[in-house]
Amino acid sequence: MSRMLPLSVALISLVLYGTAAVQLIRAFRRGRQQRNSAALALGAAAVIGHAYGVQDVLFVAAGLDLSFAHTLSLAACVMGLLLVLLSLTQPVENLGMGLFPLAGLALIGQVALGSSGPEAVLSGANAGLDIHVLVSLIAHAVLGLAALQAIVFGIQYRLLHDHQPTGAVRTLPPLRVMETLLVRMIAIGFALLTLALASGFVYLEDLFAQHLVHKTVLTMAAWAVFAVLLGGHWWAGWRGPTAVRFTLGAFALLVLGYFGSKLVLELILERP
């Protein structure tokens, strides 16, 4: 039987996400360059509450409830966790201005939509399949952070090259640092996505079955775009707007391949 996300946990996490985002936005607008420890602490507390709530409904007696709303909320939670951890050593905390509100929206969606039913439950009997799901989730989360980084980098690049830098933009790390962070995120996410695809071919009976073919094709297309981007960056010196366009295009394919198909199948066609 599916369970509902505890409303109290969702509300507390939602308030924490919102407060953390507001603090980051205020610090950014004021041109503050120091690490915003208070905002990160609030974000970490929100992620902990989010994770507690998600695991309470994700793990059911039959296995993992991978309904659309649960999966989207879990992905947002993992992205939040990765952002908080990365912020301890890398200048990426400003991504929380966009990510924390999105994670809050994912929580609201999980409370509102709940489970799609027992058909969406993945049996826990296949450890290899569980590994495939876990690696896929982390790959999506890392590449989601890369997409946010690409948006911030693209805005910074345009303003600086148009000679219109605002005080807030000047607080961001130098363009070279921002670009290096972006490429590293993409490279790590690409490696994880490669492992996810490989494990899918090993542990799934038929990746091109009717209910999986759209996910497989779009995910492989995203993988190919990321591969071209990394190759172009390392061997042809692609950077700036080109890197941003490729990153956002590839991530859009990735989102359509998994979350788009689940949205249509579960919420519109009411099929698992």
Protein backbone atom coordinates (compact mmCIF):
# COMPACT_ATOMS: atom_id res chain seq x y z
CA MET A 1 0.00 0.00 0.00
CA SER A 2 1.36 3.43 -0.92
CA ARG A 3 1.81 6.08 1.76
CA MET A 4 1.49 9.84 1.75
CA LEU A 5 4.38 12.19 2.46
CA PRO A 6 3.95 13.51 6.05
CA LEU A 7 2.46 16.99 5.66
CA SER A 8 4.32 18.41 8.67
CA VAL A 9 7.68 17.28 7.27
CA ALA A 10 6.85 18.74 3.87
CA LEU A 11 5.82 22.10 5.35
CA ILE A 12 8.94 22.40 7.52
CA SER A 13 11.22 21.52 4.60
CA LEU A 14 9.33 23.93 2.35
CA VAL A 15 9.82 26.81 4.80
CA LEU A 16 13.52 25.95 5.19
CA TYR A 17 14.03 25.81 1.41
CA GLY A 18 12.29 29.15 0.98
CA THR A 19 14.25 30.84 3.77
CA ALA A 20 17.56 29.52 2.43
CA ALA A 21 16.74 30.76 -1.08
CA VAL A 22 15.74 34.21 0.20
CA GLN A 23 18.99 34.51 2.16
CA LEU A 24 21.04 33.55 -0.89
CA ILE A 25 19.17 36.02 -3.11
CA ARG A 26 19.63 38.85 -0.61
CA ALA A 27 23.34 38.14 -0.24
CA PHE A 28 23.74 37.95 -4.02
CA ARG A 29 21.97 41.26 -4.60
CA ARG A 30 24.10 42.93 -1.95
CA GLY A 31 27.27 41.71 -3.64
CA ARG A 32 28.33 39.58 -0.70
CA GLN A 33 31.25 37.35 -1.67
CA GLN A 34 31.73 35.33 1.53
CA ARG A 35 30.24 31.88 1.88
CA ASN A 36 26.69 32.15 3.22
CA SER A 37 26.96 29.58 5.99
CA ALA A 38 23.51 30.37 7.41
CA ALA A 39 21.80 29.78 4.07
CA LEU A 40 23.72 26.55 3.53
CA ALA A 41 22.78 25.34 7.01
CA LEU A 42 19.11 26.07 6.28
CA GLY A 43 19.42 24.32 2.93
CA ALA A 44 21.06 21.30 4.58
CA ALA A 45 18.26 21.12 7.17
CA ALA A 46 15.68 21.32 4.37
CA VAL A 47 17.39 18.50 2.48
CA ILE A 48 17.48 16.33 5.63
CA GLY A 49 13.76 16.85 6.19
CA HIS A 50 13.08 16.29 2.50
CA ALA A 51 15.09 13.05 2.53
CA TYR A 52 13.26 11.80 5.63
CA GLY A 53 9.90 12.48 4.03
CA VAL A 54 10.84 10.92 0.70
CA GLN A 55 12.23 7.71 2.17
CA ASP A 56 9.09 7.33 4.25
CA VAL A 57 6.99 6.96 1.09
CA LEU A 58 9.60 5.67 -1.36
CA PHE A 59 10.34 2.38 0.39
CA VAL A 60 7.24 0.18 0.47
CA ALA A 61 6.83 -3.50 1.28
CA ALA A 62 6.97 -4.55 -2.37
CA GLY A 63 10.09 -2.50 -3.23
CA LEU A 64 10.57 1.08 -4.45
CA ASP A 65 7.60 3.30 -5.31
CA LEU A 66 8.93 5.12 -8.39
CA SER A 67 5.78 7.09 -9.16
CA PHE A 68 6.29 10.32 -11.10
CA ALA A 69 5.86 12.63 -8.09
CA HIS A 70 8.05 10.50 -5.81
CA THR A 71 10.83 10.20 -8.38
CA LEU A 72 10.81 13.93 -9.17
CA SER A 73 10.93 14.79 -5.47
CA LEU A 74 13.74 12.30 -4.86
CA ALA A 75 15.77 13.74 -7.74
CA ALA A 76 15.33 17.27 -6.35
CA CYS A 77 16.39 16.04 -2.91
CA VAL A 78 19.55 14.41 -4.29
CA MET A 79 20.36 17.61 -6.22
CA GLY A 80 19.97 19.59 -3.00
CA LEU A 81 22.24 17.20 -1.13
CA LEU A 82 24.91 17.36 -3.84
CA LEU A 83 24.72 21.17 -3.89
CA VAL A 84 25.18 21.45 -0.12
CA LEU A 85 28.14 19.04 -0.19
CA LEU A 86 29.77 20.74 -3.19
CA SER A 87 29.34 24.14 -1.55
CA LEU A 88 31.74 23.08 1.19
CA THR A 89 34.64 23.13 -1.28
CA GLN A 90 33.39 24.80 -4.48
CA PRO A 91 31.79 28.23 -5.14
CA VAL A 92 28.41 26.84 -6.22
CA GLU A 93 26.12 27.96 -3.40
CA ASN A 94 24.41 30.55 -5.62
CA LEU A 95 22.81 27.69 -7.55
CA GLY A 96 20.62 27.32 -4.47
CA MET A 97 18.75 30.48 -5.51
CA GLY A 98 17.13 28.40 -8.24
CA LEU A 99 17.43 24.88 -6.88
CA PHE A 100 15.92 25.34 -3.42
CA PRO A 101 12.63 26.81 -4.75
CA LEU A 102 12.46 24.02 -7.35
CA ALA A 103 12.99 21.41 -4.62
CA GLY A 104 10.17 23.04 -2.68
CA LEU A 105 7.89 22.81 -5.72
CA ALA A 106 8.81 19.14 -6.11
CA LEU A 107 7.75 18.59 -2.48
CA ILE A 108 4.43 20.32 -3.12
CA GLY A 109 3.91 18.13 -6.17
CA GLN A 110 4.65 15.00 -4.16
CA VAL A 111 2.10 15.95 -1.50
CA ALA A 112 -0.50 16.87 -4.12
CA LEU A 113 -0.05 13.93 -6.49
CA GLY A 114 1.12 11.13 -4.22
CA SER A 115 1.63 7.64 -5.63
CA SER A 116 0.44 6.41 -9.00
CA GLY A 117 -0.42 3.05 -7.47
CA PRO A 118 1.17 -0.40 -7.11
CA GLU A 119 1.95 -0.54 -10.84
CA ALA A 120 4.73 2.04 -10.31
CA VAL A 121 6.48 -0.04 -7.64
CA LEU A 122 9.84 -1.54 -8.62
CA SER A 123 10.42 -4.91 -6.98
CA GLY A 124 13.38 -4.95 -4.61
CA ALA A 125 14.29 -8.52 -5.59
CA ASN A 126 16.76 -7.46 -8.32
CA ALA A 127 19.83 -5.80 -6.77
CA GLY A 128 21.30 -5.04 -10.20
CA LEU A 129 18.18 -3.15 -11.21
CA ASP A 130 18.31 -1.18 -7.95
CA ILE A 131 21.90 -0.18 -8.76
CA HIS A 132 20.80 0.93 -12.23
CA VAL A 133 18.07 3.13 -10.74
CA LEU A 134 20.45 4.63 -8.16
CA VAL A 135 23.16 5.45 -10.69
CA SER A 136 20.58 6.91 -13.08
CA LEU A 137 19.19 9.11 -10.33
CA ILE A 138 22.60 10.46 -9.34
CA ALA A 139 23.49 11.06 -13.00
CA HIS A 140 20.29 13.07 -13.50
CA ALA A 141 21.02 15.05 -10.33
CA VAL A 142 24.59 15.92 -11.30
CA LEU A 143 23.56 16.90 -14.82
CA GLY A 144 20.69 18.92 -13.36
CA LEU A 145 23.22 20.91 -11.33
CA ALA A 146 25.27 21.31 -14.50
CA ALA A 147 22.21 22.77 -16.25
CA LEU A 148 21.74 25.31 -13.44
CA GLN A 149 25.45 26.13 -13.59
CA ALA A 150 25.15 26.60 -17.36
CA ILE A 151 22.30 29.10 -16.89
CA VAL A 152 24.27 31.18 -14.36
CA PHE A 153 27.44 30.95 -16.46
CA GLY A 154 25.54 31.98 -19.59
CA ILE A 155 24.05 35.05 -17.92
CA GLN A 156 27.42 36.03 -16.48
CA TYR A 157 29.14 35.52 -19.84
CA ARG A 158 26.62 37.66 -21.72
CA LEU A 159 26.67 40.53 -19.22
CA LEU A 160 30.45 40.64 -19.04
CA HIS A 161 30.92 40.47 -22.80
CA ASP A 162 28.26 43.14 -23.33
CA HIS A 163 30.16 45.28 -20.81
CA GLN A 164 27.09 45.43 -18.57
CA PRO A 165 28.26 43.70 -15.38
CA THR A 166 26.02 44.39 -12.41
CA GLY A 167 27.31 44.49 -8.86
CA ALA A 168 25.72 41.13 -8.15
CA VAL A 169 27.34 39.43 -11.16
CA ARG A 170 30.73 40.69 -10.03
CA THR A 171 30.39 38.60 -6.89
CA LEU A 172 30.44 35.39 -8.96
CA PRO A 173 33.74 33.57 -9.47
CA PRO A 174 35.72 34.48 -12.62
CA LEU A 175 34.36 33.13 -15.93
CA ARG A 176 37.20 30.63 -16.23
CA VAL A 177 36.37 29.18 -12.81
CA MET A 178 32.66 29.03 -13.63
CA GLU A 179 33.40 27.28 -16.92
CA THR A 180 35.75 24.80 -15.26
CA LEU A 181 33.07 23.93 -12.70
CA LEU A 182 30.54 23.45 -15.51
CA VAL A 183 32.79 21.11 -17.48
CA ARG A 184 33.63 19.08 -14.38
CA MET A 185 29.95 18.64 -13.54
CA ILE A 186 29.19 17.56 -17.10
CA ALA A 187 32.12 15.13 -17.17
CA ILE A 188 31.09 13.50 -13.88
CA GLY A 189 27.43 13.38 -14.92
CA PHE A 190 28.37 11.95 -18.32
CA ALA A 191 30.42 9.19 -16.70
CA LEU A 192 27.50 8.32 -14.41
CA LEU A 193 25.05 8.41 -17.32
CA THR A 194 27.32 6.03 -19.22
CA LEU A 195 27.26 3.63 -16.26
CA ALA A 196 23.48 3.98 -16.04
CA LEU A 197 23.01 3.09 -19.70
CA ALA A 198 25.47 0.20 -19.46
CA SER A 199 23.76 -1.22 -16.36
CA GLY A 200 20.40 -0.81 -18.09
CA PHE A 201 21.52 -2.97 -20.99
CA VAL A 202 22.80 -5.58 -18.51
CA TYR A 203 19.96 -5.71 -15.98
CA LEU A 204 16.87 -4.76 -18.01
CA GLU A 205 15.47 -7.48 -20.23
CA ASP A 206 14.74 -5.19 -23.18
CA LEU A 207 15.63 -1.49 -23.13
CA PHE A 208 13.75 -1.07 -26.40
CA ALA A 209 10.48 -2.58 -25.18
CA GLN A 210 7.41 -0.50 -26.02
CA HIS A 211 7.15 1.12 -22.57
CA LEU A 212 10.89 1.91 -22.44
CA VAL A 213 11.88 2.77 -26.01
CA HIS A 214 11.14 6.51 -25.72
CA LYS A 215 13.19 6.75 -22.51
CA THR A 216 16.06 4.79 -24.03
CA VAL A 217 16.19 6.74 -27.30
CA LEU A 218 16.02 10.18 -25.66
CA THR A 219 18.54 9.23 -22.97
CA MET A 220 20.96 7.93 -25.60
CA ALA A 221 20.43 11.13 -27.60
CA ALA A 222 21.26 13.18 -24.49
CA TRP A 223 24.34 11.01 -23.90
CA ALA A 224 25.49 11.66 -27.48
CA VAL A 225 25.03 15.43 -27.14
CA PHE A 226 27.02 15.48 -23.90
CA ALA A 227 29.73 13.38 -25.58
CA VAL A 228 29.94 15.81 -28.51
CA LEU A 229 30.09 18.76 -26.10
CA LEU A 230 32.92 17.29 -24.04
CA GLY A 231 34.83 16.32 -27.18
CA GLY A 232 34.30 19.77 -28.68
CA HIS A 233 35.44 21.46 -25.48
CA TRP A 234 38.58 19.40 -25.04
CA TRP A 235 39.68 19.16 -28.68
CA ALA A 236 38.11 22.16 -30.42
CA GLY A 237 38.00 24.64 -27.57
CA TRP A 238 34.22 25.04 -27.45
CA ARG A 239 33.22 27.36 -24.64
CA GLY A 240 30.86 30.17 -23.66
CA PRO A 241 27.40 30.19 -25.33
CA THR A 242 28.15 26.99 -27.27
CA ALA A 243 28.74 25.05 -24.06
CA VAL A 244 25.60 26.54 -22.52
CA ARG A 245 23.39 25.63 -25.49
CA PHE A 246 24.69 22.06 -25.69
CA THR A 247 24.31 21.55 -21.93
CA LEU A 248 20.74 22.83 -21.77
CA GLY A 249 19.74 20.98 -24.94
CA ALA A 250 21.13 17.68 -23.70
CA PHE A 251 19.55 18.07 -20.28
CA ALA A 252 16.19 18.87 -21.89
CA LEU A 253 16.40 15.56 -23.77
CA LEU A 254 17.25 13.79 -20.53
CA VAL A 255 14.29 15.30 -18.69
CA LEU A 256 11.92 14.52 -21.57
CA GLY A 257 13.23 10.98 -21.75
CA TYR A 258 12.46 10.13 -18.15
CA PHE A 259 10.21 12.62 -16.41
CA GLY A 260 8.33 13.66 -19.54
CA SER A 261 7.43 10.09 -20.40
CA LYS A 262 6.45 9.27 -16.80
CA LEU A 263 4.27 12.38 -16.70
CA VAL A 264 2.40 11.37 -19.85
CA LEU A 265 2.08 7.69 -18.96
CA GLU A 266 1.10 8.02 -15.30
CA LEU A 267 -0.83 11.26 -15.06
CA ILE A 268 -2.36 11.62 -18.52
CA LEU A 269 -2.74 8.07 -19.83
CA GLU A 270 -2.89 6.60 -16.29
CA ARG A 271 -0.51 3.79 -17.16
CA PRO A 272 2.66 2.71 -15.25
